[in-house]
C-alpha atoms as a PDB file:
ATOM      1  CA  MET A   1     -19.397  25.923-144.804  1.00  0.00           C
ATOM      2  CA  PRO A   2     -17.434  25.225-148.051  1.00  0.00           C
ATOM      3  CA  GLU A   3     -15.915  28.374-149.507  1.00  0.00           C
ATOM      4  CA  GLU A   4     -17.535  29.859-152.609  1.00  0.00           C
ATOM      5  CA  ARG A   5     -15.955  30.093-156.023  1.00  0.00           C
ATOM      6  CA  LEU A   6     -14.334  33.503-156.418  1.00  0.00           C
ATOM      7  CA  PRO A   7     -14.598  36.101-157.730  1.00  0.00           C
ATOM      8  CA  PHE A   8     -18.261  37.079-157.515  1.00  0.00           C
ATOM      9  CA  ALA A   9     -19.587  38.479-160.794  1.00  0.00           C
ATOM     10  CA  ASP A  10     -21.037  41.525-159.045  1.00  0.00           C
ATOM     11  CA  ARG A  11     -22.943  42.459-155.892  1.00  0.00           C
ATOM     12  CA  ALA A  12     -26.189  40.932-157.158  1.00  0.00           C
ATOM     13  CA  ASP A  13     -24.451  37.602-157.799  1.00  0.00           C
ATOM     14  CA  ALA A  14     -22.942  37.752-154.314  1.00  0.00           C
ATOM     15  CA  GLY A  15     -26.369  38.495-152.847  1.00  0.00           C
ATOM     16  CA  ARG A  16     -28.020  35.540-154.538  1.00  0.00           C
ATOM     17  CA  ARG A  17     -25.276  33.185-153.368  1.00  0.00           C
ATOM     18  CA  LEU A  18     -25.471  34.639-149.867  1.00  0.00           C
ATOM     19  CA  ALA A  19     -29.241  34.118-149.780  1.00  0.00           C
ATOM     20  CA  ARG A  20     -28.835  30.443-150.667  1.00  0.00           C
ATOM     21  CA  ALA A  21     -26.431  30.020-147.753  1.00  0.00           C
ATOM     22  CA  ILE A  22     -28.743  31.865-145.348  1.00  0.00           C
ATOM     23  CA  GLU A  23     -31.677  29.658-146.398  1.00  0.00           C
ATOM     24  CA  LYS A  24     -29.812  26.710-144.838  1.00  0.00           C
ATOM     25  CA  GLU A  25     -29.763  28.453-141.447  1.00  0.00           C
ATOM     26  CA  ASP A  26     -32.573  28.314-138.886  1.00  0.00           C
ATOM     27  CA  PHE A  27     -33.343  32.039-138.766  1.00  0.00           C
ATOM     28  CA  ALA A  28     -37.086  32.581-138.987  1.00  0.00           C
ATOM     29  CA  ASP A  29     -38.965  35.680-140.165  1.00  0.00           C
ATOM     30  CA  PRO A  30     -35.926  37.952-140.541  1.00  0.00           C
ATOM     31  CA  LEU A  31     -35.573  41.672-141.134  1.00  0.00           C
ATOM     32  CA  VAL A  32     -32.735  42.364-143.587  1.00  0.00           C
ATOM     33  CA  MET A  33     -30.671  45.467-142.784  1.00  0.00           C
ATOM     34  CA  ALA A  34     -28.421  46.776-145.570  1.00  0.00           C
ATOM     35  CA  LEU A  35     -25.301  48.856-145.024  1.00  0.00           C
ATOM     36  CA  PRO A  36     -25.311  51.541-147.769  1.00  0.00           C
ATOM     37  CA  ARG A  37     -24.227  52.011-150.303  1.00  0.00           C
ATOM     38  CA  GLY A  38     -22.448  48.870-151.447  1.00  0.00           C
ATOM     39  CA  GLY A  39     -24.395  46.538-149.185  1.00  0.00           C
ATOM     40  CA  VAL A  40     -27.755  47.492-150.683  1.00  0.00           C
ATOM     41  CA  PRO A  41     -27.566  45.512-153.975  1.00  0.00           C
ATOM     42  CA  VAL A  42     -26.393  42.474-151.987  1.00  0.00           C
ATOM     43  CA  ALA A  43     -29.113  42.833-149.355  1.00  0.00           C
ATOM     44  CA  PHE A  44     -31.793  43.470-151.985  1.00  0.00           C
ATOM     45  CA  GLU A  45     -31.216  40.002-153.427  1.00  0.00           C
ATOM     46  CA  VAL A  46     -31.113  38.430-149.967  1.00  0.00           C
ATOM     47  CA  ALA A  47     -34.400  40.062-148.945  1.00  0.00           C
ATOM     48  CA  ALA A  48     -36.106  39.195-152.246  1.00  0.00           C
ATOM     49  CA  ILE A  49     -35.130  35.530-152.116  1.00  0.00           C
ATOM     50  CA  LEU A  50     -35.967  35.153-148.413  1.00  0.00           C
ATOM     51  CA  GLY A  51     -39.232  37.091-148.811  1.00  0.00           C
ATOM     52  CA  ALA A  52     -38.093  39.422-146.032  1.00  0.00           C
ATOM     53  CA  PRO A  53     -38.501  43.182-145.540  1.00  0.00           C
ATOM     54  CA  LEU A  54     -35.493  45.364-146.360  1.00  0.00           C
ATOM     55  CA  GLU A  55     -34.349  48.335-144.286  1.00  0.00           C
ATOM     56  CA  LEU A  56     -31.253  50.535-144.339  1.00  0.00           C
ATOM     57  CA  LEU A  57     -28.717  50.644-141.530  1.00  0.00           C
ATOM     58  CA  LEU A  58     -26.860  53.903-142.031  1.00  0.00           C
ATOM     59  CA  VAL A  59     -23.377  54.208-140.547  1.00  0.00           C
ATOM     60  CA  ARG A  60     -21.038  57.201-140.717  1.00  0.00           C
ATOM     61  CA  LYS A  61     -17.351  57.073-139.896  1.00  0.00           C
ATOM     62  CA  ILE A  62     -16.071  59.472-137.226  1.00  0.00           C
ATOM     63  CA  GLY A  63     -12.713  60.528-138.660  1.00  0.00           C
ATOM     64  CA  ALA A  64      -9.603  61.811-136.918  1.00  0.00           C
ATOM     65  CA  PRO A  65      -8.807  65.542-136.893  1.00  0.00           C
ATOM     66  CA  GLY A  66      -7.146  66.424-140.191  1.00  0.00           C
ATOM     67  CA  HIS A  67      -7.284  62.802-141.376  1.00  0.00           C
ATOM     68  CA  GLU A  68     -10.943  61.935-141.926  1.00  0.00           C
ATOM     69  CA  GLU A  69     -10.084  58.635-143.605  1.00  0.00           C
ATOM     70  CA  PHE A  70      -8.647  57.353-140.293  1.00  0.00           C
ATOM     71  CA  GLY A  71     -11.625  56.163-138.289  1.00  0.00           C
ATOM     72  CA  LEU A  72     -11.947  56.868-134.588  1.00  0.00           C
ATOM     73  CA  GLY A  73     -15.279  55.099-134.554  1.00  0.00           C
ATOM     74  CA  ALA A  74     -18.699  55.286-136.132  1.00  0.00           C
ATOM     75  CA  LEU A  75     -22.158  56.731-135.636  1.00  0.00           C
ATOM     76  CA  VAL A  76     -25.073  54.424-136.428  1.00  0.00           C
ATOM     77  CA  ASP A  77     -28.508  55.717-137.395  1.00  0.00           C
ATOM     78  CA  GLY A  78     -31.527  54.704-135.361  1.00  0.00           C
ATOM     79  CA  GLU A  79     -34.295  56.001-133.128  1.00  0.00           C
ATOM     80  CA  GLU A  80     -31.413  56.789-130.785  1.00  0.00           C
ATOM     81  CA  PRO A  81     -28.195  57.026-132.861  1.00  0.00           C
ATOM     82  CA  LEU A  82     -25.328  55.076-131.314  1.00  0.00           C
ATOM     83  CA  ARG A  83     -21.695  56.200-131.297  1.00  0.00           C
ATOM     84  CA  VAL A  84     -19.135  53.385-131.138  1.00  0.00           C
ATOM     85  CA  LEU A  85     -15.508  54.433-130.621  1.00  0.00           C
ATOM     86  CA  ASN A  86     -12.405  52.368-131.379  1.00  0.00           C
ATOM     87  CA  ALA A  87     -10.370  52.259-128.168  1.00  0.00           C
ATOM     88  CA  GLU A  88      -7.025  51.721-129.910  1.00  0.00           C
ATOM     89  CA  ALA A  89      -7.606  54.563-132.381  1.00  0.00           C
ATOM     90  CA  MET A  90      -8.684  56.844-129.556  1.00  0.00           C
ATOM     91  CA  ARG A  91      -5.476  56.098-127.635  1.00  0.00           C
ATOM     92  CA  LEU A  92      -3.360  56.859-130.689  1.00  0.00           C
ATOM     93  CA  VAL A  93      -5.058  60.121-131.677  1.00  0.00           C
ATOM     94  CA  ARG A  94      -6.366  61.421-128.333  1.00  0.00           C
ATOM     95  CA  PRO A  95      -8.943  63.801-129.846  1.00  0.00           C
ATOM     96  CA  SER A  96     -10.509  66.451-127.646  1.00  0.00           C
ATOM     97  CA  GLU A  97     -14.021  65.930-126.329  1.00  0.00           C
ATOM     98  CA  ALA A  98     -15.034  69.125-128.141  1.00  0.00           C
ATOM     99  CA  TYR A  99     -13.830  67.678-131.461  1.00  0.00           C
ATOM    100  CA  LEU A 100     -15.670  64.399-130.861  1.00  0.00           C
ATOM    101  CA  GLU A 101     -18.918  66.176-130.064  1.00  0.00           C
ATOM    102  CA  GLU A 102     -18.599  68.463-133.095  1.00  0.00           C
ATOM    103  CA  GLU A 103     -17.791  65.600-135.460  1.00  0.00           C
ATOM    104  CA  THR A 104     -20.570  63.446-134.003  1.00  0.00           C
ATOM    105  CA  ALA A 105     -23.076  66.269-134.536  1.00  0.00           C
ATOM    106  CA  ARG A 106     -21.871  66.717-138.129  1.00  0.00           C
ATOM    107  CA  GLN A 107     -22.263  63.027-138.899  1.00  0.00           C
ATOM    108  CA  ARG A 108     -25.681  62.957-137.226  1.00  0.00           C
ATOM    109  CA  LEU A 109     -26.844  65.637-139.672  1.00  0.00           C
ATOM    110  CA  GLU A 110     -25.418  63.604-142.555  1.00  0.00           C
ATOM    111  CA  LEU A 111     -27.285  60.495-141.375  1.00  0.00           C
ATOM    112  CA  THR A 112     -30.532  62.486-141.328  1.00  0.00           C
ATOM    113  CA  ARG A 113     -29.831  63.852-144.813  1.00  0.00           C
ATOM    114  CA  ARG A 114     -29.055  60.421-146.251  1.00  0.00           C
ATOM    115  CA  ARG A 115     -32.114  58.745-144.724  1.00  0.00           C
ATOM    116  CA  ALA A 116     -34.326  61.456-146.236  1.00  0.00           C
ATOM    117  CA  LEU A 117     -32.553  61.085-149.592  1.00  0.00           C
ATOM    118  CA  TYR A 118     -32.824  57.303-149.718  1.00  0.00           C
ATOM    119  CA  LEU A 119     -36.204  56.729-148.089  1.00  0.00           C
ATOM    120  CA  GLY A 120     -38.070  60.043-148.076  1.00  0.00           C
ATOM    121  CA  ASP A 121     -40.605  60.039-145.254  1.00  0.00           C
ATOM    122  CA  ARG A 122     -41.140  56.264-145.204  1.00  0.00           C
ATOM    123  CA  PRO A 123     -41.461  55.051-141.602  1.00  0.00           C
ATOM    124  CA  ARG A 124     -38.468  53.240-140.162  1.00  0.00           C
ATOM    125  CA  ILE A 125     -38.877  49.463-139.692  1.00  0.00           C
ATOM    126  CA  SER A 126     -38.019  48.730-136.073  1.00  0.00           C
ATOM    127  CA  PRO A 127     -35.626  45.853-135.337  1.00  0.00           C
ATOM    128  CA  LYS A 128     -37.047  45.463-131.821  1.00  0.00           C
ATOM    129  CA  GLY A 129     -37.929  41.837-131.159  1.00  0.00           C
ATOM    130  CA  ARG A 130     -36.918  40.809-134.690  1.00  0.00           C
ATOM    131  CA  ASN A 131     -34.370  38.361-136.040  1.00  0.00           C
ATOM    132  CA  VAL A 132     -32.079  40.781-137.887  1.00  0.00           C
ATOM    133  CA  ILE A 133     -29.690  39.976-140.742  1.00  0.00           C
ATOM    134  CA  ILE A 134     -27.065  42.694-141.291  1.00  0.00           C
ATOM    135  CA  VAL A 135     -25.729  42.576-144.856  1.00  0.00           C
ATOM    136  CA  ASP A 136     -22.755  44.293-146.494  1.00  0.00           C
ATOM    137  CA  ASP A 137     -20.772  43.644-149.682  1.00  0.00           C
ATOM    138  CA  GLY A 138     -17.718  42.647-147.650  1.00  0.00           C
ATOM    139  CA  ILE A 139     -15.692  43.416-144.539  1.00  0.00           C
ATOM    140  CA  ALA A 140     -12.194  44.879-144.436  1.00  0.00           C
ATOM    141  CA  THR A 141     -11.443  45.680-140.789  1.00  0.00           C
ATOM    142  CA  GLY A 142     -14.786  44.989-139.116  1.00  0.00           C
ATOM    143  CA  GLY A 143     -15.164  48.448-137.597  1.00  0.00           C
ATOM    144  CA  THR A 144     -18.371  49.350-139.417  1.00  0.00           C
ATOM    145  CA  ALA A 145     -19.855  45.898-138.862  1.00  0.00           C
ATOM    146  CA  THR A 146     -19.099  46.055-135.132  1.00  0.00           C
ATOM    147  CA  ALA A 147     -20.806  49.427-134.811  1.00  0.00           C
ATOM    148  CA  ALA A 148     -23.819  48.187-136.769  1.00  0.00           C
ATOM    149  CA  VAL A 149     -24.177  45.029-134.686  1.00  0.00           C
ATOM    150  CA  ARG A 150     -23.960  46.890-131.385  1.00  0.00           C
ATOM    151  CA  ALA A 151     -26.543  49.404-132.550  1.00  0.00           C
ATOM    152  CA  MET A 152     -28.960  46.598-133.395  1.00  0.00           C
ATOM    153  CA  ARG A 153     -28.398  45.032-129.973  1.00  0.00           C
ATOM    154  CA  GLN A 154     -29.172  48.372-128.350  1.00  0.00           C
ATOM    155  CA  ALA A 155     -32.285  48.708-130.512  1.00  0.00           C
ATOM    156  CA  GLY A 156     -33.638  45.427-129.128  1.00  0.00           C
ATOM    157  CA  ALA A 157     -33.055  42.884-131.898  1.00  0.00           C
ATOM    158  CA  ALA A 158     -33.962  39.368-130.732  1.00  0.00           C
ATOM    159  CA  LYS A 159     -31.211  37.604-132.680  1.00  0.00           C
ATOM    160  CA  LEU A 160     -28.465  38.913-134.936  1.00  0.00           C
ATOM    161  CA  MET A 161     -26.882  37.413-138.022  1.00  0.00           C
ATOM    162  CA  LEU A 162     -24.041  39.069-139.910  1.00  0.00           C
ATOM    163  CA  ALA A 163     -24.033  38.009-143.565  1.00  0.00           C
ATOM    164  CA  VAL A 164     -21.282  39.007-146.003  1.00  0.00           C
ATOM    165  CA  PRO A 165     -19.834  37.513-149.178  1.00  0.00           C
ATOM    166  CA  VAL A 166     -16.183  37.930-148.163  1.00  0.00           C
ATOM    167  CA  ALA A 167     -14.126  38.969-145.131  1.00  0.00           C
ATOM    168  CA  PRO A 168     -10.664  38.363-143.638  1.00  0.00           C
ATOM    169  CA  PRO A 169     -10.373  35.586-141.027  1.00  0.00           C
ATOM    170  CA  ASN A 170      -9.309  37.953-138.228  1.00  0.00           C
ATOM    171  CA  ALA A 171     -12.368  40.171-138.731  1.00  0.00           C
ATOM    172  CA  ILE A 172     -14.687  37.170-138.662  1.00  0.00           C
ATOM    173  CA  ALA A 173     -13.006  35.896-135.488  1.00  0.00           C
ATOM    174  CA  SER A 174     -13.408  39.247-133.730  1.00  0.00           C
ATOM    175  CA  LEU A 175     -17.086  39.506-134.690  1.00  0.00           C
ATOM    176  CA  ARG A 176     -18.189  36.013-133.621  1.00  0.00           C
ATOM    177  CA  SER A 177     -18.775  37.070-130.028  1.00  0.00           C
ATOM    178  CA  GLU A 178     -20.888  40.029-131.183  1.00  0.00           C
ATOM    179  CA  VAL A 179     -23.570  38.090-133.076  1.00  0.00           C
ATOM    180  CA  ASP A 180     -25.632  34.916-132.843  1.00  0.00           C
ATOM    181  CA  ARG A 181     -24.691  33.736-136.322  1.00  0.00           C
ATOM    182  CA  ILE A 182     -22.211  34.646-139.063  1.00  0.00           C
ATOM    183  CA  VAL A 183     -22.606  33.649-142.693  1.00  0.00           C
ATOM    184  CA  CYS A 184     -19.484  34.448-144.723  1.00  0.00           C
ATOM    185  CA  LEU A 185     -19.104  32.782-148.108  1.00  0.00           C
ATOM    186  CA  ALA A 186     -15.337  33.212-148.393  1.00  0.00           C
ATOM    187  CA  SER A 187     -12.603  34.149-145.933  1.00  0.00           C
ATOM    188  CA  PRO A 188      -9.261  33.988-147.784  1.00  0.00           C
ATOM    189  CA  ALA A 189      -6.206  33.631-145.550  1.00  0.00           C
ATOM    190  CA  SER A 190      -4.288  36.080-147.738  1.00  0.00           C
ATOM    191  CA  PHE A 191      -7.092  38.645-147.748  1.00  0.00           C
ATOM    192  CA  HIS A 192      -6.680  41.839-149.740  1.00  0.00           C
ATOM    193  CA  ALA A 193      -9.180  44.612-150.515  1.00  0.00           C
ATOM    194  CA  VAL A 194     -12.831  43.536-150.830  1.00  0.00           C
ATOM    195  CA  SER A 195     -12.884  44.822-154.415  1.00  0.00           C
ATOM    196  CA  ILE A 196     -10.522  42.164-155.781  1.00  0.00           C
ATOM    197  CA  TYR A 197     -13.018  39.416-154.986  1.00  0.00           C
ATOM    198  CA  TYR A 198     -15.531  40.880-157.477  1.00  0.00           C
ATOM    199  CA  ASP A 199     -15.340  41.047-161.275  1.00  0.00           C
ATOM    200  CA  ASP A 200     -17.512  44.179-161.140  1.00  0.00           C
ATOM    201  CA  PHE A 201     -17.105  46.296-158.014  1.00  0.00           C
ATOM    202  CA  SER A 202     -18.209  49.595-159.528  1.00  0.00           C
ATOM    203  CA  GLN A 203     -19.430  52.142-157.006  1.00  0.00           C
ATOM    204  CA  THR A 204     -23.081  51.889-156.010  1.00  0.00           C
ATOM    205  CA  THR A 205     -24.733  55.263-156.588  1.00  0.00           C
ATOM    206  CA  ASP A 206     -27.323  57.089-154.504  1.00  0.00           C
ATOM    207  CA  ASP A 207     -29.801  56.677-157.376  1.00  0.00           C
ATOM    208  CA  GLU A 208     -29.301  52.903-157.347  1.00  0.00           C
ATOM    209  CA  VAL A 209     -29.909  52.769-153.598  1.00  0.00           C
ATOM    210  CA  ILE A 210     -33.100  54.814-153.969  1.00  0.00           C
ATOM    211  CA  ALA A 211     -34.365  52.640-156.843  1.00  0.00           C
ATOM    212  CA  LEU A 212     -33.648  49.360-155.049  1.00  0.00           C
ATOM    213  CA  MET A 213     -35.358  50.511-151.858  1.00  0.00           C
ATOM    214  CA  LYS A 214     -38.418  51.563-153.856  1.00  0.00           C
ATOM    215  CA  ARG A 215     -38.523  48.161-155.537  1.00  0.00           C
ATOM    216  CA  ALA A 216     -38.110  46.368-152.217  1.00  0.00           C
ATOM    217  CA  ASN A 217     -41.101  48.282-150.884  1.00  0.00           C
ATOM    218  CA  GLY A 218     -43.238  47.762-153.983  1.00  0.00           C
ATOM    219  CA  GLU A 219     -43.142  51.415-154.986  1.00  0.00           C
ATOM    220  CA  ASP A 220     -41.366  51.016-158.330  1.00  0.00           C
ATOM    221  CA  THR A 221     -41.282  47.599-159.967  1.00  0.00           C
ATOM    222  CA  GLY A 222     -40.165  48.877-163.366  1.00  0.00           C
ATOM    223  CA  SER A 223     -36.658  50.022-162.416  1.00  0.00           C
ATOM    224  CA  GLU A 224     -33.706  47.934-163.540  1.00  0.00           C
ATOM    225  CA  ALA A 225     -31.223  49.303-161.020  1.00  0.00           C
ATOM    226  CA  GLY A 226     -28.907  46.793-159.406  1.00  0.00           C
ATOM    227  CA  SER A 227     -29.587  43.270-160.617  1.00  0.00           C
ATOM    228  CA  GLY A 228     -32.175  43.630-163.346  1.00  0.00           C
ATOM    229  CA  THR A 229     -35.856  42.780-163.485  1.00  0.00           C
ATOM    230  CA  MET A 230     -36.856  40.252-160.860  1.00  0.00           C
ATOM    231  CA  SER A 231     -38.631  37.014-161.669  1.00  0.00           C
ATOM    232  CA  PRO A 232     -41.452  35.824-159.369  1.00  0.00           C
ATOM    233  CA  ASP A 233     -39.050  33.721-157.275  1.00  0.00           C
ATOM    234  CA  GLY A 234     -36.779  36.706-156.592  1.00  0.00           C
ATOM    235  CA  HIS A 235     -33.986  35.728-158.993  1.00  0.00           C
ATOM    236  CA  ALA A 236     -32.791  37.982-161.804  1.00  0.00           C
END
């Protein structure tokens, strides 16, 4: 796939370009799963253009004792939440089992809180037996994406596609064996932070996530959160 012109204007622009690339793939009747918060504006455009349902795939980092920004692994929301630990990080930090259980329980509560905040009591869309497209606004290390992919496998997805606007080559290489298909618009050899490949990489807010999910589910078509008012073909 030829690499896209960089930078992307914003997440909505990246989502529209990503959707055009996905349309060229043979991936019928997909369910689009967005990684909040930044992945939601991207996935919203993908789902709208493909005419696919949109669901959230909530992931919480399990941080190291005293250094929460250093990830030991991740907990992924689902009917049965899945904990995925990074073997190398675990060897370096050697956290106690008590700490892991306590931190996992804390993040489980946060997943429950965020799902209620973003989706209220709307029933979860099951990935079981579905062709699932996991969408984020970019990949840095691949840890979150790996956890998300494995959770969808465990949940019974028929086929898995990982779709992102930008990611480093080593992350893409490590993820190829985890999924059936990868769509990545740009993979610069001298990769830096995801943010530098966007003109506008302002933080996606909780309110924007809520508004976009309502629009995706036909609950609020008047909101202009994210990419603006949609035209009938799904483009802004």
